[in-house]
Amino acid sequence: MLILSEKEIQQHYKMKDAIADVKKGLISKQDGSITSPHRTVLDIPKYEGSALYMPSADLAQEMAAVKVVSIFPQNPKQGKPTTQGVLMLTDATTGEHVCMMNASYLTRLRTGALSGIATEKLARPNASVLGVIGTGGMAFEQVLGMLEVRWIESIKLFNRTLEKAEQFKGRLKDFGVTQSIEVVESSEEVVPGADIICCATRSKEPVFDGELVKPGTHINGVGSFLPSMREVDQTTIERAAKIVVDDLSGVKDEAGELIHADQETDWSFSDVYAELSEIGGYDLMLRDSDEEITFFKSVGAAYFDLVVAIGVYQKLKDSGVGVSAEL
């Protein structure tokens, strides 16, 4: 079995790779080649934590995987990461377990790739101002996804703890991001001027006022993944001309803002414009006008992790990277 660390994957597998592999996976999903049972979520209320168990298989590529990811928001107080994960990749022709890899980076990367693909299809071609609300563990790859699909000129960052936003800005600069980056003190300073908004928080209350969203804005919501969480308000949902989701089944169970809208308002899940697999793998734009507000909601699904894991394994299995071990 090949064992790959997060550092090894980061050095050799980039956002561009992930976007290409996720697009392949979206096509496989649409073709019926993906088996992806709904994940099991174990809540650990004492520590505000969750553990997610996610199996999947790609019958076209004849590979299967199970990912285990834990999300413990109190961890930074102990100097530990909020999100931790491992993924085991299995050859679906023999049942041989061929690779064990760190999945924390893969989770962040595939989520950024999903937002990148949705933004590529939904954001205005000339969208150049990026607003980021929440600068925690998932946000960095969200920015990388946006930079991959749009010519971003400036970035505004807001986090409830301004120090973390400043640290995030430094991390972007250290990575080589040359765009203008500004840390602001409220979401009201982010939203009105943004062409693209990325939300990556665990908030139980909406993190911005939907009335402030200007026509033509595209919004990605990737942070909330429990029915109790609501990053985006009802006004935003009502103003959105198109709402696209990564996985409709998962969103119905986990996307708090849409669950609330479905249960408490005239909006319903039948109003979802499309699942990303219906549009993400093909060369087409979905925006009908420069005035439309669009919203992409992502809660994740196991097959997204699977397809990037296959990409990592195929790229690195004969490269000498990693450690080979018998278990």
C-alpha atoms as a PDB file:
ATOM      1  CA  MET A   1       0.000   0.000   0.000  1.00  0.00           C
ATOM      2  CA  LEU A   2       1.208   3.473  -0.892  1.00  0.00           C
ATOM      3  CA  ILE A   3       0.988   6.004   1.943  1.00  0.00           C
ATOM      4  CA  LEU A   4       0.902   9.705   1.053  1.00  0.00           C
ATOM      5  CA  SER A   5       1.191  12.617   3.461  1.00  0.00           C
ATOM      6  CA  GLU A   6      -0.554  15.956   3.122  1.00  0.00           C
ATOM      7  CA  LYS A   7       2.741  17.687   2.339  1.00  0.00           C
ATOM      8  CA  GLU A   8       3.526  15.250  -0.465  1.00  0.00           C
ATOM      9  CA  ILE A   9       0.089  15.703  -2.014  1.00  0.00           C
ATOM     10  CA  GLN A  10       0.284  19.503  -1.728  1.00  0.00           C
ATOM     11  CA  GLN A  11       3.651  19.554  -3.484  1.00  0.00           C
ATOM     12  CA  HIS A  12       2.499  17.558  -6.480  1.00  0.00           C
ATOM     13  CA  TYR A  13      -1.284  17.949  -6.871  1.00  0.00           C
ATOM     14  CA  LYS A  14      -2.677  21.442  -7.417  1.00  0.00           C
ATOM     15  CA  MET A  15      -6.023  23.209  -7.856  1.00  0.00           C
ATOM     16  CA  LYS A  16      -5.788  22.926 -11.641  1.00  0.00           C
ATOM     17  CA  ASP A  17      -5.459  19.130 -11.276  1.00  0.00           C
ATOM     18  CA  ALA A  18      -8.390  18.972  -8.885  1.00  0.00           C
ATOM     19  CA  ILE A  19     -10.712  20.989 -11.126  1.00  0.00           C
ATOM     20  CA  ALA A  20      -9.916  18.727 -14.089  1.00  0.00           C
ATOM     21  CA  ASP A  21     -10.489  15.548 -12.068  1.00  0.00           C
ATOM     22  CA  VAL A  22     -13.685  16.806 -10.432  1.00  0.00           C
ATOM     23  CA  LYS A  23     -15.066  17.635 -13.877  1.00  0.00           C
ATOM     24  CA  LYS A  24     -14.366  14.034 -14.912  1.00  0.00           C
ATOM     25  CA  GLY A  25     -16.186  12.862 -11.812  1.00  0.00           C
ATOM     26  CA  LEU A  26     -19.184  15.064 -12.557  1.00  0.00           C
ATOM     27  CA  ILE A  27     -19.449  13.500 -15.995  1.00  0.00           C
ATOM     28  CA  SER A  28     -19.174  10.007 -14.467  1.00  0.00           C
ATOM     29  CA  LYS A  29     -21.953  10.907 -12.022  1.00  0.00           C
ATOM     30  CA  GLN A  30     -24.179  12.075 -14.841  1.00  0.00           C
ATOM     31  CA  ASP A  31     -23.397   8.900 -16.798  1.00  0.00           C
ATOM     32  CA  GLY A  32     -24.458   6.728 -13.861  1.00  0.00           C
ATOM     33  CA  SER A  33     -20.987   5.361 -13.106  1.00  0.00           C
ATOM     34  CA  ILE A  34     -20.798   6.714  -9.553  1.00  0.00           C
ATOM     35  CA  THR A  35     -21.979   4.839  -6.477  1.00  0.00           C
ATOM     36  CA  SER A  36     -22.112   7.233  -3.534  1.00  0.00           C
ATOM     37  CA  PRO A  37     -24.187   6.183  -0.498  1.00  0.00           C
ATOM     38  CA  HIS A  38     -25.152   8.996   1.814  1.00  0.00           C
ATOM     39  CA  ARG A  39     -22.475   9.683   4.384  1.00  0.00           C
ATOM     40  CA  THR A  40     -22.819   8.903   8.057  1.00  0.00           C
ATOM     41  CA  VAL A  41     -22.350  11.882  10.388  1.00  0.00           C
ATOM     42  CA  LEU A  42     -21.609  11.377  14.066  1.00  0.00           C
ATOM     43  CA  ASP A  43     -22.110  14.504  16.167  1.00  0.00           C
ATOM     44  CA  ILE A  44     -20.003  14.969  19.291  1.00  0.00           C
ATOM     45  CA  PRO A  45     -21.790  17.848  21.053  1.00  0.00           C
ATOM     46  CA  LYS A  46     -19.430  18.110  24.029  1.00  0.00           C
ATOM     47  CA  TYR A  47     -16.678  19.354  21.719  1.00  0.00           C
ATOM     48  CA  GLU A  48     -18.922  20.831  18.990  1.00  0.00           C
ATOM     49  CA  GLY A  49     -17.361  18.181  16.785  1.00  0.00           C
ATOM     50  CA  SER A  50     -18.487  15.944  13.954  1.00  0.00           C
ATOM     51  CA  ALA A  51     -17.032  12.801  12.402  1.00  0.00           C
ATOM     52  CA  LEU A  52     -18.070  11.968   8.827  1.00  0.00           C
ATOM     53  CA  TYR A  53     -17.741   8.547   7.174  1.00  0.00           C
ATOM     54  CA  MET A  54     -17.992   8.677   3.400  1.00  0.00           C
ATOM     55  CA  PRO A  55     -17.873   5.640   1.041  1.00  0.00           C
ATOM     56  CA  SER A  56     -18.024   5.789  -2.760  1.00  0.00           C
ATOM     57  CA  ALA A  57     -17.044   4.025  -5.976  1.00  0.00           C
ATOM     58  CA  ASP A  58     -16.377   5.063  -9.566  1.00  0.00           C
ATOM     59  CA  LEU A  59     -17.337   2.077 -11.696  1.00  0.00           C
ATOM     60  CA  ALA A  60     -15.897   3.671 -14.833  1.00  0.00           C
ATOM     61  CA  GLN A  61     -12.434   4.024 -13.279  1.00  0.00           C
ATOM     62  CA  GLU A  62     -12.931   0.855 -11.203  1.00  0.00           C
ATOM     63  CA  MET A  63     -11.827   2.430  -7.948  1.00  0.00           C
ATOM     64  CA  ALA A  64     -13.532   2.794  -4.571  1.00  0.00           C
ATOM     65  CA  ALA A  65     -12.754   4.726  -1.415  1.00  0.00           C
ATOM     66  CA  VAL A  66     -13.840   5.513   2.087  1.00  0.00           C
ATOM     67  CA  LYS A  67     -12.960   8.832   3.678  1.00  0.00           C
ATOM     68  CA  VAL A  68     -13.133   9.616   7.353  1.00  0.00           C
ATOM     69  CA  VAL A  69     -13.022  13.307   8.213  1.00  0.00           C
ATOM     70  CA  SER A  70     -13.399  14.959  11.606  1.00  0.00           C
ATOM     71  CA  ILE A  71     -14.341  18.595  12.152  1.00  0.00           C
ATOM     72  CA  PHE A  72     -13.582  19.946  15.619  1.00  0.00           C
ATOM     73  CA  PRO A  73     -13.818  23.762  15.740  1.00  0.00           C
ATOM     74  CA  GLN A  74     -12.323  23.969  19.252  1.00  0.00           C
ATOM     75  CA  ASN A  75      -9.061  22.378  18.096  1.00  0.00           C
ATOM     76  CA  PRO A  76      -7.200  25.609  17.270  1.00  0.00           C
ATOM     77  CA  LYS A  77      -7.236  26.436  20.994  1.00  0.00           C
ATOM     78  CA  GLN A  78      -5.054  23.334  21.424  1.00  0.00           C
ATOM     79  CA  GLY A  79      -2.887  24.109  18.436  1.00  0.00           C
ATOM     80  CA  LYS A  80      -4.537  21.399  16.348  1.00  0.00           C
ATOM     81  CA  PRO A  81      -6.287  21.740  12.975  1.00  0.00           C
ATOM     82  CA  THR A  82     -10.056  22.050  12.820  1.00  0.00           C
ATOM     83  CA  THR A  83     -10.402  19.499  10.032  1.00  0.00           C
ATOM     84  CA  GLN A  84      -8.531  16.187   9.855  1.00  0.00           C
ATOM     85  CA  GLY A  85      -9.083  13.312   7.470  1.00  0.00           C
ATOM     86  CA  VAL A  86      -7.773  10.125   5.950  1.00  0.00           C
ATOM     87  CA  LEU A  87      -8.844   8.291   2.797  1.00  0.00           C
ATOM     88  CA  MET A  88      -8.307   4.680   1.792  1.00  0.00           C
ATOM     89  CA  LEU A  89      -8.367   3.921  -1.945  1.00  0.00           C
ATOM     90  CA  THR A  90      -9.333   0.467  -3.171  1.00  0.00           C
ATOM     91  CA  ASP A  91      -8.876  -1.248  -6.528  1.00  0.00           C
ATOM     92  CA  ALA A  92     -12.447  -2.211  -7.414  1.00  0.00           C
ATOM     93  CA  THR A  93     -11.288  -5.027  -9.728  1.00  0.00           C
ATOM     94  CA  THR A  94      -9.480  -7.008  -7.008  1.00  0.00           C
ATOM     95  CA  GLY A  95     -10.431  -5.414  -3.688  1.00  0.00           C
ATOM     96  CA  GLU A  96      -6.801  -4.540  -3.014  1.00  0.00           C
ATOM     97  CA  HIS A  97      -6.345  -1.475  -0.826  1.00  0.00           C
ATOM     98  CA  VAL A  98      -3.768   0.406  -2.869  1.00  0.00           C
ATOM     99  CA  CYS A  99      -3.327   3.757  -1.131  1.00  0.00           C
ATOM    100  CA  MET A 100      -3.855   5.505   2.175  1.00  0.00           C
ATOM    101  CA  MET A 101      -3.609   9.269   2.025  1.00  0.00           C
ATOM    102  CA  ASN A 102      -4.146  12.288   4.188  1.00  0.00           C
ATOM    103  CA  ALA A 103      -7.540  13.684   3.183  1.00  0.00           C
ATOM    104  CA  SER A 104      -7.648  17.061   4.933  1.00  0.00           C
ATOM    105  CA  TYR A 105      -6.023  18.883   2.038  1.00  0.00           C
ATOM    106  CA  LEU A 106      -8.050  16.826  -0.448  1.00  0.00           C
ATOM    107  CA  THR A 107     -11.267  17.882   1.281  1.00  0.00           C
ATOM    108  CA  ARG A 108     -10.313  21.539   1.095  1.00  0.00           C
ATOM    109  CA  LEU A 109      -9.024  21.179  -2.451  1.00  0.00           C
ATOM    110  CA  ARG A 110     -12.040  19.405  -3.902  1.00  0.00           C
ATOM    111  CA  THR A 111     -14.361  21.897  -2.196  1.00  0.00           C
ATOM    112  CA  GLY A 112     -12.398  24.746  -3.762  1.00  0.00           C
ATOM    113  CA  ALA A 113     -12.547  22.937  -7.091  1.00  0.00           C
ATOM    114  CA  LEU A 114     -16.335  22.559  -6.825  1.00  0.00           C
ATOM    115  CA  SER A 115     -16.735  26.264  -6.130  1.00  0.00           C
ATOM    116  CA  GLY A 116     -14.326  26.995  -8.954  1.00  0.00           C
ATOM    117  CA  ILE A 117     -16.359  24.947 -11.420  1.00  0.00           C
ATOM    118  CA  ALA A 118     -19.636  26.520 -10.243  1.00  0.00           C
ATOM    119  CA  THR A 119     -18.080  29.981 -10.506  1.00  0.00           C
ATOM    120  CA  GLU A 120     -16.767  29.198 -13.977  1.00  0.00           C
ATOM    121  CA  LYS A 121     -20.330  28.367 -15.065  1.00  0.00           C
ATOM    122  CA  LEU A 122     -22.247  31.029 -13.138  1.00  0.00           C
ATOM    123  CA  ALA A 123     -20.144  34.125 -12.436  1.00  0.00           C
ATOM    124  CA  ARG A 124     -19.942  36.967 -14.923  1.00  0.00           C
ATOM    125  CA  PRO A 125     -16.917  36.515 -17.226  1.00  0.00           C
ATOM    126  CA  ASN A 126     -15.614  39.918 -16.124  1.00  0.00           C
ATOM    127  CA  ALA A 127     -16.063  39.258 -12.382  1.00  0.00           C
ATOM    128  CA  SER A 128     -12.910  40.638 -10.771  1.00  0.00           C
ATOM    129  CA  VAL A 129     -13.647  41.519  -7.133  1.00  0.00           C
ATOM    130  CA  LEU A 130     -13.685  38.606  -4.690  1.00  0.00           C
ATOM    131  CA  GLY A 131     -15.202  38.846  -1.225  1.00  0.00           C
ATOM    132  CA  VAL A 132     -14.347  36.189   1.356  1.00  0.00           C
ATOM    133  CA  ILE A 133     -16.404  35.814   4.527  1.00  0.00           C
ATOM    134  CA  GLY A 134     -14.762  33.419   6.965  1.00  0.00           C
ATOM    135  CA  THR A 135     -11.022  32.773   6.791  1.00  0.00           C
ATOM    136  CA  GLY A 136     -10.900  29.412   8.553  1.00  0.00           C
ATOM    137  CA  GLY A 137      -9.750  26.017   7.351  1.00  0.00           C
ATOM    138  CA  MET A 138     -11.801  25.813   4.137  1.00  0.00           C
ATOM    139  CA  ALA A 139     -11.272  29.347   2.864  1.00  0.00           C
ATOM    140  CA  PHE A 140      -7.768  29.201   1.397  1.00  0.00           C
ATOM    141  CA  GLU A 141      -8.625  26.713  -1.342  1.00  0.00           C
ATOM    142  CA  GLN A 142     -11.814  28.670  -2.051  1.00  0.00           C
ATOM    143  CA  VAL A 143      -9.629  31.594  -3.028  1.00  0.00           C
ATOM    144  CA  LEU A 144      -7.387  29.347  -5.112  1.00  0.00           C
ATOM    145  CA  GLY A 145     -10.430  28.000  -6.932  1.00  0.00           C
ATOM    146  CA  MET A 146     -11.587  31.522  -7.784  1.00  0.00           C
ATOM    147  CA  LEU A 147      -8.122  32.516  -9.020  1.00  0.00           C
ATOM    148  CA  GLU A 148      -8.107  29.499 -11.309  1.00  0.00           C
ATOM    149  CA  VAL A 149     -11.329  30.405 -13.159  1.00  0.00           C
ATOM    150  CA  ARG A 150     -11.547  34.230 -13.074  1.00  0.00           C
ATOM    151  CA  TRP A 151      -9.122  37.120 -13.471  1.00  0.00           C
ATOM    152  CA  ILE A 152      -9.406  38.451  -9.933  1.00  0.00           C
ATOM    153  CA  GLU A 153      -8.026  41.959  -9.369  1.00  0.00           C
ATOM    154  CA  SER A 154      -8.795  42.489  -5.685  1.00  0.00           C
ATOM    155  CA  ILE A 155      -9.829  40.462  -2.637  1.00  0.00           C
ATOM    156  CA  LYS A 156     -11.633  41.620   0.511  1.00  0.00           C
ATOM    157  CA  LEU A 157     -11.464  39.446   3.624  1.00  0.00           C
ATOM    158  CA  PHE A 158     -13.722  39.424   6.665  1.00  0.00           C
ATOM    159  CA  ASN A 159     -13.473  37.188   9.697  1.00  0.00           C
ATOM    160  CA  ARG A 160     -15.050  37.735  13.104  1.00  0.00           C
ATOM    161  CA  THR A 161     -11.545  37.622  14.549  1.00  0.00           C
ATOM    162  CA  LEU A 162      -9.650  40.231  12.559  1.00  0.00           C
ATOM    163  CA  GLU A 163      -6.288  38.801  13.582  1.00  0.00           C
ATOM    164  CA  LYS A 164      -7.148  35.569  11.764  1.00  0.00           C
ATOM    165  CA  ALA A 165      -8.075  37.530   8.656  1.00  0.00           C
ATOM    166  CA  GLU A 166      -4.717  39.298   8.774  1.00  0.00           C
ATOM    167  CA  GLN A 167      -2.946  35.963   9.145  1.00  0.00           C
ATOM    168  CA  PHE A 168      -4.932  34.651   6.186  1.00  0.00           C
ATOM    169  CA  LYS A 169      -3.864  37.640   4.119  1.00  0.00           C
ATOM    170  CA  GLY A 170      -0.243  36.905   4.980  1.00  0.00           C
ATOM    171  CA  ARG A 171      -0.668  33.289   4.008  1.00  0.00           C
ATOM    172  CA  LEU A 172      -2.060  34.285   0.614  1.00  0.00           C
ATOM    173  CA  LYS A 173       0.855  36.653   0.059  1.00  0.00           C
ATOM    174  CA  ASP A 174       3.357  33.974   1.094  1.00  0.00           C
ATOM    175  CA  PHE A 175       1.713  31.590  -1.383  1.00  0.00           C
ATOM    176  CA  GLY A 176       2.368  34.061  -4.174  1.00  0.00           C
ATOM    177  CA  VAL A 177      -1.013  35.758  -4.553  1.00  0.00           C
ATOM    178  CA  THR A 178      -0.214  39.188  -5.975  1.00  0.00           C
ATOM    179  CA  GLN A 179      -3.710  40.658  -6.102  1.00  0.00           C
ATOM    180  CA  SER A 180      -4.676  43.551  -3.852  1.00  0.00           C
ATOM    181  CA  ILE A 181      -5.898  42.095  -0.540  1.00  0.00           C
ATOM    182  CA  GLU A 182      -7.770  44.122   2.080  1.00  0.00           C
ATOM    183  CA  VAL A 183      -8.952  43.023   5.522  1.00  0.00           C
ATOM    184  CA  VAL A 184     -12.207  44.717   6.537  1.00  0.00           C
ATOM    185  CA  GLU A 185     -14.143  44.877   9.798  1.00  0.00           C
ATOM    186  CA  SER A 186     -17.603  43.752   8.675  1.00  0.00           C
ATOM    187  CA  SER A 187     -19.383  41.796   5.975  1.00  0.00           C
ATOM    188  CA  GLU A 188     -21.106  45.062   5.025  1.00  0.00           C
ATOM    189  CA  GLU A 189     -17.725  46.201   3.708  1.00  0.00           C
ATOM    190  CA  VAL A 190     -17.350  43.025   1.644  1.00  0.00           C
ATOM    191  CA  VAL A 191     -20.695  42.374   0.017  1.00  0.00           C
ATOM    192  CA  PRO A 192     -21.793  45.519  -1.883  1.00  0.00           C
ATOM    193  CA  GLY A 193     -18.694  45.730  -4.080  1.00  0.00           C
ATOM    194  CA  ALA A 194     -18.066  42.025  -4.627  1.00  0.00           C
ATOM    195  CA  ASP A 195     -18.606  40.253  -7.948  1.00  0.00           C
ATOM    196  CA  ILE A 196     -18.008  36.875  -6.298  1.00  0.00           C
ATOM    197  CA  ILE A 197     -18.636  36.062  -2.625  1.00  0.00           C
ATOM    198  CA  CYS A 198     -17.247  32.959  -0.917  1.00  0.00           C
ATOM    199  CA  CYS A 199     -18.679  32.034   2.484  1.00  0.00           C
ATOM    200  CA  ALA A 200     -16.839  29.420   4.528  1.00  0.00           C
ATOM    201  CA  THR A 201     -18.158  29.604   8.088  1.00  0.00           C
ATOM    202  CA  ARG A 202     -19.963  27.367  10.566  1.00  0.00           C
ATOM    203  CA  SER A 203     -22.378  30.157  11.435  1.00  0.00           C
ATOM    204  CA  LYS A 204     -25.874  29.437  12.696  1.00  0.00           C
ATOM    205  CA  GLU A 205     -26.959  32.916  11.609  1.00  0.00           C
ATOM    206  CA  PRO A 206     -26.668  34.513   8.145  1.00  0.00           C
ATOM    207  CA  VAL A 207     -23.287  36.164   7.744  1.00  0.00           C
ATOM    208  CA  PHE A 208     -24.425  38.973   5.433  1.00  0.00           C
ATOM    209  CA  ASP A 209     -27.535  40.916   4.473  1.00  0.00           C
ATOM    210  CA  GLY A 210     -28.886  39.723   1.135  1.00  0.00           C
ATOM    211  CA  GLU A 211     -30.196  43.209   0.366  1.00  0.00           C
ATOM    212  CA  LEU A 212     -26.578  44.360   0.015  1.00  0.00           C
ATOM    213  CA  VAL A 213     -25.792  41.909  -2.785  1.00  0.00           C
ATOM    214  CA  LYS A 214     -25.486  43.806  -6.039  1.00  0.00           C
ATOM    215  CA  PRO A 215     -27.074  42.497  -9.259  1.00  0.00           C
ATOM    216  CA  GLY A 216     -24.792  40.152 -11.155  1.00  0.00           C
ATOM    217  CA  THR A 217     -23.086  38.695  -8.083  1.00  0.00           C
ATOM    218  CA  HIS A 218     -22.245  35.012  -7.756  1.00  0.00           C
ATOM    219  CA  ILE A 219     -22.160  33.465  -4.252  1.00  0.00           C
ATOM    220  CA  ASN A 220     -20.531  30.238  -3.077  1.00  0.00           C
ATOM    221  CA  GLY A 221     -21.641  28.804   0.274  1.00  0.00           C
ATOM    222  CA  VAL A 222     -19.477  25.935   1.518  1.00  0.00           C
ATOM    223  CA  GLY A 223     -19.196  26.316   5.301  1.00  0.00           C
ATOM    224  CA  SER A 224     -22.563  25.247   6.691  1.00  0.00           C
ATOM    225  CA  PHE A 225     -23.204  21.517   6.543  1.00  0.00           C
ATOM    226  CA  LEU A 226     -25.763  20.890   9.308  1.00  0.00           C
ATOM    227  CA  PRO A 227     -29.494  21.746   9.413  1.00  0.00           C
ATOM    228  CA  SER A 228     -28.788  24.123  12.308  1.00  0.00           C
ATOM    229  CA  MET A 229     -26.341  26.223  10.245  1.00  0.00           C
ATOM    230  CA  ARG A 230     -27.377  29.150   8.030  1.00  0.00           C
ATOM    231  CA  GLU A 231     -24.663  31.174   6.312  1.00  0.00           C
ATOM    232  CA  VAL A 232     -26.981  32.734   3.748  1.00  0.00           C
ATOM    233  CA  ASP A 233     -30.228  34.539   4.516  1.00  0.00           C
ATOM    234  CA  GLN A 234     -33.653  34.090   2.988  1.00  0.00           C
ATOM    235  CA  THR A 235     -33.365  37.358   1.065  1.00  0.00           C
ATOM    236  CA  THR A 236     -30.365  35.994  -0.835  1.00  0.00           C
ATOM    237  CA  ILE A 237     -32.216  32.790  -1.649  1.00  0.00           C
ATOM    238  CA  GLU A 238     -35.224  34.735  -2.910  1.00  0.00           C
ATOM    239  CA  ARG A 239     -33.087  37.097  -5.001  1.00  0.00           C
ATOM    240  CA  ALA A 240     -31.059  34.297  -6.597  1.00  0.00           C
ATOM    241  CA  ALA A 241     -32.164  33.636 -10.177  1.00  0.00           C
ATOM    242  CA  LYS A 242     -30.346  30.306 -10.184  1.00  0.00           C
ATOM    243  CA  ILE A 243     -29.412  28.070  -7.264  1.00  0.00           C
ATOM    244  CA  VAL A 244     -27.078  25.186  -8.105  1.00  0.00           C
ATOM    245  CA  VAL A 245     -26.107  22.515  -5.563  1.00  0.00           C
ATOM    246  CA  ASP A 246     -23.260  20.021  -5.493  1.00  0.00           C
ATOM    247  CA  ASP A 247     -25.366  17.054  -4.348  1.00  0.00           C
ATOM    248  CA  LEU A 248     -29.128  17.447  -4.057  1.00  0.00           C
ATOM    249  CA  SER A 249     -29.638  14.514  -1.699  1.00  0.00           C
ATOM    250  CA  GLY A 250     -26.999  15.783   0.687  1.00  0.00           C
ATOM    251  CA  VAL A 251     -28.237  19.360   0.494  1.00  0.00           C
ATOM    252  CA  LYS A 252     -31.758  18.282   1.429  1.00  0.00           C
ATOM    253  CA  ASP A 253     -30.400  16.730   4.622  1.00  0.00           C
ATOM    254  CA  GLU A 254     -27.627  19.151   5.547  1.00  0.00           C
ATOM    255  CA  ALA A 255     -27.901  22.632   3.997  1.00  0.00           C
ATOM    256  CA  GLY A 256     -29.532  24.571   6.824  1.00  0.00           C
ATOM    257  CA  GLU A 257     -30.378  27.716   4.864  1.00  0.00           C
ATOM    258  CA  LEU A 258     -32.143  25.754   2.125  1.00  0.00           C
ATOM    259  CA  ILE A 259     -33.845  23.377   4.582  1.00  0.00           C
ATOM    260  CA  HIS A 260     -35.226  26.396   6.442  1.00  0.00           C
ATOM    261  CA  ALA A 261     -36.390  27.998   3.205  1.00  0.00           C
ATOM    262  CA  ASP A 262     -38.082  24.779   2.102  1.00  0.00           C
ATOM    263  CA  GLN A 263     -39.875  24.312   5.425  1.00  0.00           C
ATOM    264  CA  GLU A 264     -40.719  27.895   6.365  1.00  0.00           C
ATOM    265  CA  THR A 265     -41.186  29.848   3.105  1.00  0.00           C
ATOM    266  CA  ASP A 266     -42.623  29.545  -0.394  1.00  0.00           C
ATOM    267  CA  TRP A 267     -39.226  28.409  -1.711  1.00  0.00           C
ATOM    268  CA  SER A 268     -38.813  24.644  -2.163  1.00  0.00           C
ATOM    269  CA  PHE A 269     -36.104  22.240  -3.262  1.00  0.00           C
ATOM    270  CA  SER A 270     -37.932  21.900  -6.564  1.00  0.00           C
ATOM    271  CA  ASP A 271     -36.710  25.446  -7.243  1.00  0.00           C
ATOM    272  CA  VAL A 272     -33.077  24.272  -7.379  1.00  0.00           C
ATOM    273  CA  TYR A 273     -31.904  25.036 -10.896  1.00  0.00           C
ATOM    274  CA  ALA A 274     -29.480  22.117 -11.249  1.00  0.00           C
ATOM    275  CA  GLU A 275     -27.131  19.723  -9.553  1.00  0.00           C
ATOM    276  CA  LEU A 276     -23.533  20.485 -10.486  1.00  0.00           C
ATOM    277  CA  SER A 277     -23.131  17.108 -12.206  1.00  0.00           C
ATOM    278  CA  GLU A 278     -25.779  18.205 -14.737  1.00  0.00           C
ATOM    279  CA  ILE A 279     -23.715  21.160 -15.893  1.00  0.00           C
ATOM    280  CA  GLY A 280     -20.234  21.118 -14.369  1.00  0.00           C
ATOM    281  CA  GLY A 281     -18.401  18.800 -16.729  1.00  0.00           C
ATOM    282  CA  TYR A 282     -19.401  20.491 -19.945  1.00  0.00           C
ATOM    283  CA  ASP A 283     -18.440  23.676 -21.783  1.00  0.00           C
ATOM    284  CA  LEU A 284     -21.412  25.915 -21.220  1.00  0.00           C
ATOM    285  CA  MET A 285     -22.241  29.072 -19.306  1.00  0.00           C
ATOM    286  CA  LEU A 286     -25.446  29.202 -17.290  1.00  0.00           C
ATOM    287  CA  ARG A 287     -25.781  32.941 -16.779  1.00  0.00           C
ATOM    288  CA  ASP A 288     -28.589  34.461 -18.870  1.00  0.00           C
ATOM    289  CA  SER A 289     -27.781  38.085 -18.060  1.00  0.00           C
ATOM    290  CA  ASP A 290     -25.278  40.286 -16.237  1.00  0.00           C
ATOM    291  CA  GLU A 291     -27.984  41.160 -13.698  1.00  0.00           C
ATOM    292  CA  GLU A 292     -28.671  37.687 -12.354  1.00  0.00           C
ATOM    293  CA  ILE A 293     -27.668  36.795  -8.807  1.00  0.00           C
ATOM    294  CA  THR A 294     -26.548  33.174  -8.620  1.00  0.00           C
ATOM    295  CA  PHE A 295     -25.878  30.909  -5.641  1.00  0.00           C
ATOM    296  CA  PHE A 296     -23.910  27.657  -5.380  1.00  0.00           C
ATOM    297  CA  LYS A 297     -24.440  25.560  -2.258  1.00  0.00           C
ATOM    298  CA  SER A 298     -21.976  22.796  -1.401  1.00  0.00           C
ATOM    299  CA  VAL A 299     -22.159  20.273   1.438  1.00  0.00           C
ATOM    300  CA  GLY A 300     -19.856  17.689  -0.117  1.00  0.00           C
ATOM    301  CA  ALA A 301     -20.269  14.096  -1.233  1.00  0.00           C
ATOM    302  CA  ALA A 302     -17.936  11.119  -1.064  1.00  0.00           C
ATOM    303  CA  TYR A 303     -17.396  10.810  -4.785  1.00  0.00           C
ATOM    304  CA  PHE A 304     -15.795  14.246  -4.968  1.00  0.00           C
ATOM    305  CA  ASP A 305     -13.075  13.012  -2.631  1.00  0.00           C
ATOM    306  CA  LEU A 306     -12.827   9.772  -4.580  1.00  0.00           C
ATOM    307  CA  VAL A 307     -12.152  11.392  -7.932  1.00  0.00           C
ATOM    308  CA  VAL A 308      -9.414  13.666  -6.620  1.00  0.00           C
ATOM    309  CA  ALA A 309      -7.902  10.730  -4.705  1.00  0.00           C
ATOM    310  CA  ILE A 310      -7.811   8.719  -7.929  1.00  0.00           C
ATOM    311  CA  GLY A 311      -6.116  11.674  -9.605  1.00  0.00           C
ATOM    312  CA  VAL A 312      -3.519  11.889  -6.836  1.00  0.00           C
ATOM    313  CA  TYR A 313      -2.835   8.155  -6.929  1.00  0.00           C
ATOM    314  CA  GLN A 314      -2.512   8.006 -10.697  1.00  0.00           C
ATOM    315  CA  LYS A 315      -0.157  10.964 -10.703  1.00  0.00           C
ATOM    316  CA  LEU A 316       2.090   9.761  -7.874  1.00  0.00           C
ATOM    317  CA  LYS A 317       1.985   5.961  -7.806  1.00  0.00           C
ATOM    318  CA  ASP A 318       5.048   5.553 -10.058  1.00  0.00           C
ATOM    319  CA  SER A 319       6.823   8.762  -9.082  1.00  0.00           C
ATOM    320  CA  GLY A 320       8.725   7.549  -6.051  1.00  0.00           C
ATOM    321  CA  VAL A 321       6.729   9.901  -3.805  1.00  0.00           C
ATOM    322  CA  GLY A 322       5.322   8.463  -0.587  1.00  0.00           C
ATOM    323  CA  VAL A 323       6.029   5.329   1.412  1.00  0.00           C
ATOM    324  CA  SER A 324       5.177   1.774   0.396  1.00  0.00           C
ATOM    325  CA  ALA A 325       4.144  -0.448   3.296  1.00  0.00           C
ATOM    326  CA  GLU A 326       2.585  -3.810   3.981  1.00  0.00           C
ATOM    327  CA  LEU A 327      -0.195  -3.753   6.576  1.00  0.00           C
END
